Amino acid sequence: MQAIENVTNPKPGDIIIDVRHPEDAEQRPLAITTNQIISLPFFNLGKCADQLDRQQVLFTLL
């Protein structure tokens, strides 16, 4: 298992998983435009995590 790293500035090509509640995400949209963002609310992580590509570098925003 890879170590968890705290990243404040994702690199181009990194995929970001936004785990915030949909209301929070709507009220404060991400200003990141150079990365793919997957909206996956925290309450759906358990049932949807296996659908993520494990070969990709993924970052979560809390």
PDB file of N, CA and C in Angstrom:
ATOM      1  N   MET A   1       0.840  -1.175   0.000  1.00  0.00           N
ATOM      2  CA  MET A   1       0.000   0.000   0.000  1.00  0.00           C
ATOM      3  C   MET A   1       0.887   1.240   0.000  1.00  0.00           C
ATOM      4  N   GLN A   2       0.520   2.215  -0.816  1.00  0.00           N
ATOM      5  CA  GLN A   2       1.283   3.457  -0.886  1.00  0.00           C
ATOM      6  C   GLN A   2       1.024   4.314   0.345  1.00  0.00           C
ATOM      7  N   ALA A   3       2.017   5.120   0.678  1.00  0.00           N
ATOM      8  CA  ALA A   3       1.864   6.061   1.783  1.00  0.00           C
ATOM      9  C   ALA A   3       0.903   7.169   1.373  1.00  0.00           C
ATOM     10  N   ILE A   4       0.185   7.695   2.342  1.00  0.00           N
ATOM     11  CA  ILE A   4      -0.721   8.812   2.086  1.00  0.00           C
ATOM     12  C   ILE A   4       0.079  10.097   2.188  1.00  0.00           C
ATOM     13  N   GLU A   5      -0.093  10.940   1.195  1.00  0.00           N
ATOM     14  CA  GLU A   5       0.666  12.182   1.120  1.00  0.00           C
ATOM     15  C   GLU A   5      -0.305  13.358   1.121  1.00  0.00           C
ATOM     16  N   ASN A   6       0.008  14.387   1.895  1.00  0.00           N
ATOM     17  CA  ASN A   6      -0.798  15.597   1.923  1.00  0.00           C
ATOM     18  C   ASN A   6      -0.322  16.505   0.791  1.00  0.00           C
ATOM     19  N   VAL A   7      -1.204  16.763  -0.162  1.00  0.00           N
ATOM     20  CA  VAL A   7      -0.855  17.562  -1.334  1.00  0.00           C
ATOM     21  C   VAL A   7      -1.753  18.783  -1.375  1.00  0.00           C
ATOM     22  N   THR A   8      -1.149  19.958  -1.479  1.00  0.00           N
ATOM     23  CA  THR A   8      -1.953  21.178  -1.566  1.00  0.00           C
ATOM     24  C   THR A   8      -2.056  21.693  -2.997  1.00  0.00           C
ATOM     25  N   ASN A   9      -1.130  21.311  -3.847  1.00  0.00           N
ATOM     26  CA  ASN A   9      -1.147  21.728  -5.249  1.00  0.00           C
ATOM     27  C   ASN A   9      -0.964  20.505  -6.138  1.00  0.00           C
ATOM     28  N   PRO A  10      -2.069  19.927  -6.623  1.00  0.00           N
ATOM     29  CA  PRO A  10      -1.940  18.754  -7.483  1.00  0.00           C
ATOM     30  C   PRO A  10      -1.238  19.100  -8.792  1.00  0.00           C
ATOM     31  N   LYS A  11      -0.539  18.119  -9.320  1.00  0.00           N
ATOM     32  CA  LYS A  11       0.156  18.294 -10.596  1.00  0.00           C
ATOM     33  C   LYS A  11      -0.830  18.078 -11.741  1.00  0.00           C
ATOM     34  N   PRO A  12      -0.559  18.665 -12.894  1.00  0.00           N
ATOM     35  CA  PRO A  12      -1.417  18.394 -14.054  1.00  0.00           C
ATOM     36  C   PRO A  12      -1.465  16.886 -14.308  1.00  0.00           C
ATOM     37  N   GLY A  13      -2.636  16.385 -14.586  1.00  0.00           N
ATOM     38  CA  GLY A  13      -2.809  14.969 -14.828  1.00  0.00           C
ATOM     39  C   GLY A  13      -3.255  14.195 -13.605  1.00  0.00           C
ATOM     40  N   ASP A  14      -3.062  14.752 -12.400  1.00  0.00           N
ATOM     41  CA  ASP A  14      -3.549  14.095 -11.185  1.00  0.00           C
ATOM     42  C   ASP A  14      -5.074  14.149 -11.174  1.00  0.00           C
ATOM     43  N   ILE A  15      -5.678  13.124 -10.617  1.00  0.00           N
ATOM     44  CA  ILE A  15      -7.131  13.068 -10.515  1.00  0.00           C
ATOM     45  C   ILE A  15      -7.513  13.385  -9.078  1.00  0.00           C
ATOM     46  N   ILE A  16      -8.479  14.260  -8.912  1.00  0.00           N
ATOM     47  CA  ILE A  16      -8.917  14.698  -7.589  1.00  0.00           C
ATOM     48  C   ILE A  16     -10.288  14.096  -7.305  1.00  0.00           C
ATOM     49  N   ILE A  17     -10.427  13.501  -6.121  1.00  0.00           N
ATOM     50  CA  ILE A  17     -11.722  12.987  -5.687  1.00  0.00           C
ATOM     51  C   ILE A  17     -12.274  13.958  -4.650  1.00  0.00           C
ATOM     52  N   ASP A  18     -13.371  14.569  -4.990  1.00  0.00           N
ATOM     53  CA  ASP A  18     -14.025  15.526  -4.096  1.00  0.00           C
ATOM     54  C   ASP A  18     -15.033  14.756  -3.256  1.00  0.00           C
ATOM     55  N   VAL A  19     -14.718  14.541  -1.970  1.00  0.00           N
ATOM     56  CA  VAL A  19     -15.571  13.733  -1.095  1.00  0.00           C
ATOM     57  C   VAL A  19     -16.504  14.592  -0.241  1.00  0.00           C
ATOM     58  N   ARG A  20     -16.574  15.869  -0.544  1.00  0.00           N
ATOM     59  CA  ARG A  20     -17.445  16.743   0.236  1.00  0.00           C
ATOM     60  C   ARG A  20     -18.913  16.418  -0.028  1.00  0.00           C
ATOM     61  N   HIS A  21     -19.754  16.823   0.891  1.00  0.00           N
ATOM     62  CA  HIS A  21     -21.197  16.693   0.710  1.00  0.00           C
ATOM     63  C   HIS A  21     -21.582  17.515  -0.527  1.00  0.00           C
ATOM     64  N   PRO A  22     -22.516  17.024  -1.341  1.00  0.00           N
ATOM     65  CA  PRO A  22     -22.898  17.768  -2.552  1.00  0.00           C
ATOM     66  C   PRO A  22     -23.295  19.223  -2.300  1.00  0.00           C
ATOM     67  N   GLU A  23     -23.938  19.509  -1.162  1.00  0.00           N
ATOM     68  CA  GLU A  23     -24.303  20.901  -0.864  1.00  0.00           C
ATOM     69  C   GLU A  23     -23.051  21.757  -0.660  1.00  0.00           C
ATOM     70  N   ASP A  24     -22.050  21.219   0.018  1.00  0.00           N
ATOM     71  CA  ASP A  24     -20.791  21.945   0.212  1.00  0.00           C
ATOM     72  C   ASP A  24     -20.095  22.186  -1.117  1.00  0.00           C
ATOM     73  N   ALA A  25     -20.069  21.175  -1.958  1.00  0.00           N
ATOM     74  CA  ALA A  25     -19.421  21.298  -3.265  1.00  0.00           C
ATOM     75  C   ALA A  25     -20.131  22.339  -4.127  1.00  0.00           C
ATOM     76  N   GLU A  26     -21.451  22.391  -4.024  1.00  0.00           N
ATOM     77  CA  GLU A  26     -22.212  23.372  -4.799  1.00  0.00           C
ATOM     78  C   GLU A  26     -21.968  24.797  -4.292  1.00  0.00           C
ATOM     79  N   GLN A  27     -21.903  24.951  -2.970  1.00  0.00           N
ATOM     80  CA  GLN A  27     -21.717  26.278  -2.384  1.00  0.00           C
ATOM     81  C   GLN A  27     -20.291  26.804  -2.598  1.00  0.00           C
ATOM     82  N   ARG A  28     -19.317  25.907  -2.605  1.00  0.00           N
ATOM     83  CA  ARG A  28     -17.920  26.309  -2.762  1.00  0.00           C
ATOM     84  C   ARG A  28     -17.258  25.452  -3.839  1.00  0.00           C
ATOM     85  N   PRO A  29     -17.548  25.714  -5.120  1.00  0.00           N
ATOM     86  CA  PRO A  29     -16.964  24.907  -6.192  1.00  0.00           C
ATOM     87  C   PRO A  29     -15.435  25.028  -6.206  1.00  0.00           C
ATOM     88  N   LEU A  30     -14.789  23.973  -6.653  1.00  0.00           N
ATOM     89  CA  LEU A  30     -13.330  23.974  -6.723  1.00  0.00           C
ATOM     90  C   LEU A  30     -12.851  24.921  -7.819  1.00  0.00           C
ATOM     91  N   ALA A  31     -11.761  25.609  -7.536  1.00  0.00           N
ATOM     92  CA  ALA A  31     -11.190  26.547  -8.505  1.00  0.00           C
ATOM     93  C   ALA A  31     -10.133  25.876  -9.379  1.00  0.00           C
ATOM     94  N   ILE A  32      -9.992  24.577  -9.238  1.00  0.00           N
ATOM     95  CA  ILE A  32      -8.987  23.834 -10.007  1.00  0.00           C
ATOM     96  C   ILE A  32      -9.555  23.535 -11.385  1.00  0.00           C
ATOM     97  N   THR A  33      -8.827  23.920 -12.419  1.00  0.00           N
ATOM     98  CA  THR A  33      -9.325  23.702 -13.777  1.00  0.00           C
ATOM     99  C   THR A  33      -8.411  22.808 -14.602  1.00  0.00           C
ATOM    100  N   THR A  34      -7.243  22.452 -14.079  1.00  0.00           N
ATOM    101  CA  THR A  34      -6.285  21.674 -14.865  1.00  0.00           C
ATOM    102  C   THR A  34      -6.334  20.180 -14.560  1.00  0.00           C
ATOM    103  N   ASN A  35      -7.211  19.767 -13.670  1.00  0.00           N
ATOM    104  CA  ASN A  35      -7.269  18.370 -13.265  1.00  0.00           C
ATOM    105  C   ASN A  35      -8.672  17.810 -13.420  1.00  0.00           C
ATOM    106  N   GLN A  36      -8.734  16.513 -13.644  1.00  0.00           N
ATOM    107  CA  GLN A  36     -10.028  15.842 -13.642  1.00  0.00           C
ATOM    108  C   GLN A  36     -10.507  15.759 -12.194  1.00  0.00           C
ATOM    109  N   ILE A  37     -11.771  16.069 -11.970  1.00  0.00           N
ATOM    110  CA  ILE A  37     -12.352  16.016 -10.629  1.00  0.00           C
ATOM    111  C   ILE A  37     -13.492  15.012 -10.642  1.00  0.00           C
ATOM    112  N   ILE A  38     -13.413  14.048  -9.731  1.00  0.00           N
ATOM    113  CA  ILE A  38     -14.477  13.062  -9.566  1.00  0.00           C
ATOM    114  C   ILE A  38     -15.223  13.422  -8.290  1.00  0.00           C
ATOM    115  N   SER A  39     -16.511  13.684  -8.425  1.00  0.00           N
ATOM    116  CA  SER A  39     -17.331  13.975  -7.258  1.00  0.00           C
ATOM    117  C   SER A  39     -17.833  12.648  -6.699  1.00  0.00           C
ATOM    118  N   LEU A  40     -17.366  12.305  -5.500  1.00  0.00           N
ATOM    119  CA  LEU A  40     -17.730  11.055  -4.852  1.00  0.00           C
ATOM    120  C   LEU A  40     -17.945  11.349  -3.372  1.00  0.00           C
ATOM    121  N   PRO A  41     -19.175  11.772  -3.013  1.00  0.00           N
ATOM    122  CA  PRO A  41     -19.442  12.155  -1.626  1.00  0.00           C
ATOM    123  C   PRO A  41     -19.023  11.070  -0.636  1.00  0.00           C
ATOM    124  N   PHE A  42     -18.569  11.496   0.522  1.00  0.00           N
ATOM    125  CA  PHE A  42     -18.048  10.590   1.549  1.00  0.00           C
ATOM    126  C   PHE A  42     -19.013   9.460   1.877  1.00  0.00           C
ATOM    127  N   PHE A  43     -20.316   9.720   1.816  1.00  0.00           N
ATOM    128  CA  PHE A  43     -21.286   8.696   2.183  1.00  0.00           C
ATOM    129  C   PHE A  43     -21.464   7.639   1.095  1.00  0.00           C
ATOM    130  N   ASN A  44     -20.830   7.825  -0.073  1.00  0.00           N
ATOM    131  CA  ASN A  44     -20.862   6.828  -1.146  1.00  0.00           C
ATOM    132  C   ASN A  44     -19.522   6.134  -1.346  1.00  0.00           C
ATOM    133  N   LEU A  45     -18.522   6.487  -0.562  1.00  0.00           N
ATOM    134  CA  LEU A  45     -17.187   5.919  -0.754  1.00  0.00           C
ATOM    135  C   LEU A  45     -17.184   4.393  -0.692  1.00  0.00           C
ATOM    136  N   GLY A  46     -17.842   3.831   0.299  1.00  0.00           N
ATOM    137  CA  GLY A  46     -17.823   2.384   0.490  1.00  0.00           C
ATOM    138  C   GLY A  46     -18.328   1.606  -0.703  1.00  0.00           C
ATOM    139  N   LYS A  47     -19.396   2.074  -1.322  1.00  0.00           N
ATOM    140  CA  LYS A  47     -19.974   1.312  -2.421  1.00  0.00           C
ATOM    141  C   LYS A  47     -19.412   1.690  -3.787  1.00  0.00           C
ATOM    142  N   CYS A  48     -18.674   2.790  -3.902  1.00  0.00           N
ATOM    143  CA  CYS A  48     -18.159   3.221  -5.197  1.00  0.00           C
ATOM    144  C   CYS A  48     -16.639   3.168  -5.324  1.00  0.00           C
ATOM    145  N   ALA A  49     -15.931   2.987  -4.234  1.00  0.00           N
ATOM    146  CA  ALA A  49     -14.474   3.033  -4.273  1.00  0.00           C
ATOM    147  C   ALA A  49     -13.879   1.970  -5.187  1.00  0.00           C
ATOM    148  N   ASP A  50     -14.523   0.808  -5.287  1.00  0.00           N
ATOM    149  CA  ASP A  50     -13.977  -0.254  -6.124  1.00  0.00           C
ATOM    150  C   ASP A  50     -14.079   0.060  -7.614  1.00  0.00           C
ATOM    151  N   GLN A  51     -14.802   1.093  -7.991  1.00  0.00           N
ATOM    152  CA  GLN A  51     -14.926   1.502  -9.389  1.00  0.00           C
ATOM    153  C   GLN A  51     -13.788   2.415  -9.834  1.00  0.00           C
ATOM    154  N   LEU A  52     -12.972   2.882  -8.888  1.00  0.00           N
ATOM    155  CA  LEU A  52     -11.870   3.787  -9.222  1.00  0.00           C
ATOM    156  C   LEU A  52     -10.699   3.006  -9.801  1.00  0.00           C
ATOM    157  N   ASP A  53      -9.982   3.623 -10.712  1.00  0.00           N
ATOM    158  CA  ASP A  53      -8.810   3.010 -11.329  1.00  0.00           C
ATOM    159  C   ASP A  53      -7.653   3.018 -10.343  1.00  0.00           C
ATOM    160  N   ARG A  54      -7.250   1.870  -9.896  1.00  0.00           N
ATOM    161  CA  ARG A  54      -6.187   1.766  -8.894  1.00  0.00           C
ATOM    162  C   ARG A  54      -4.804   2.047  -9.471  1.00  0.00           C
ATOM    163  N   GLN A  55      -4.694   2.190 -10.768  1.00  0.00           N
ATOM    164  CA  GLN A  55      -3.414   2.498 -11.401  1.00  0.00           C
ATOM    165  C   GLN A  55      -3.173   4.009 -11.477  1.00  0.00           C
ATOM    166  N   GLN A  56      -4.202   4.803 -11.216  1.00  0.00           N
ATOM    167  CA  GLN A  56      -4.100   6.255 -11.263  1.00  0.00           C
ATOM    168  C   GLN A  56      -3.700   6.808  -9.912  1.00  0.00           C
ATOM    169  N   VAL A  57      -3.043   7.966  -9.934  1.00  0.00           N
ATOM    170  CA  VAL A  57      -2.753   8.694  -8.693  1.00  0.00           C
ATOM    171  C   VAL A  57      -3.997   9.502  -8.385  1.00  0.00           C
ATOM    172  N   LEU A  58      -4.573   9.274  -7.214  1.00  0.00           N
ATOM    173  CA  LEU A  58      -5.808   9.944  -6.815  1.00  0.00           C
ATOM    174  C   LEU A  58      -5.581  10.741  -5.542  1.00  0.00           C
ATOM    175  N   PHE A  59      -6.222  11.888  -5.453  1.00  0.00           N
ATOM    176  CA  PHE A  59      -6.144  12.744  -4.279  1.00  0.00           C
ATOM    177  C   PHE A  59      -7.553  13.060  -3.835  1.00  0.00           C
ATOM    178  N   THR A  60      -7.769  13.105  -2.535  1.00  0.00           N
ATOM    179  CA  THR A  60      -9.077  13.492  -2.029  1.00  0.00           C
ATOM    180  C   THR A  60      -9.025  14.883  -1.425  1.00  0.00           C
ATOM    181  N   LEU A  61     -10.118  15.574  -1.549  1.00  0.00           N
ATOM    182  CA  LEU A  61     -10.276  16.889  -0.931  1.00  0.00           C
ATOM    183  C   LEU A  61     -11.308  16.741   0.161  1.00  0.00           C
ATOM    184  N   LEU A  62     -10.980  17.167   1.346  1.00  0.00           N
ATOM    185  CA  LEU A  62     -11.901  17.035   2.466  1.00  0.00           C
ATOM    186  C   LEU A  62     -12.489  18.371   2.838  1.00  0.00           C
TER     187      LEU A  62
END
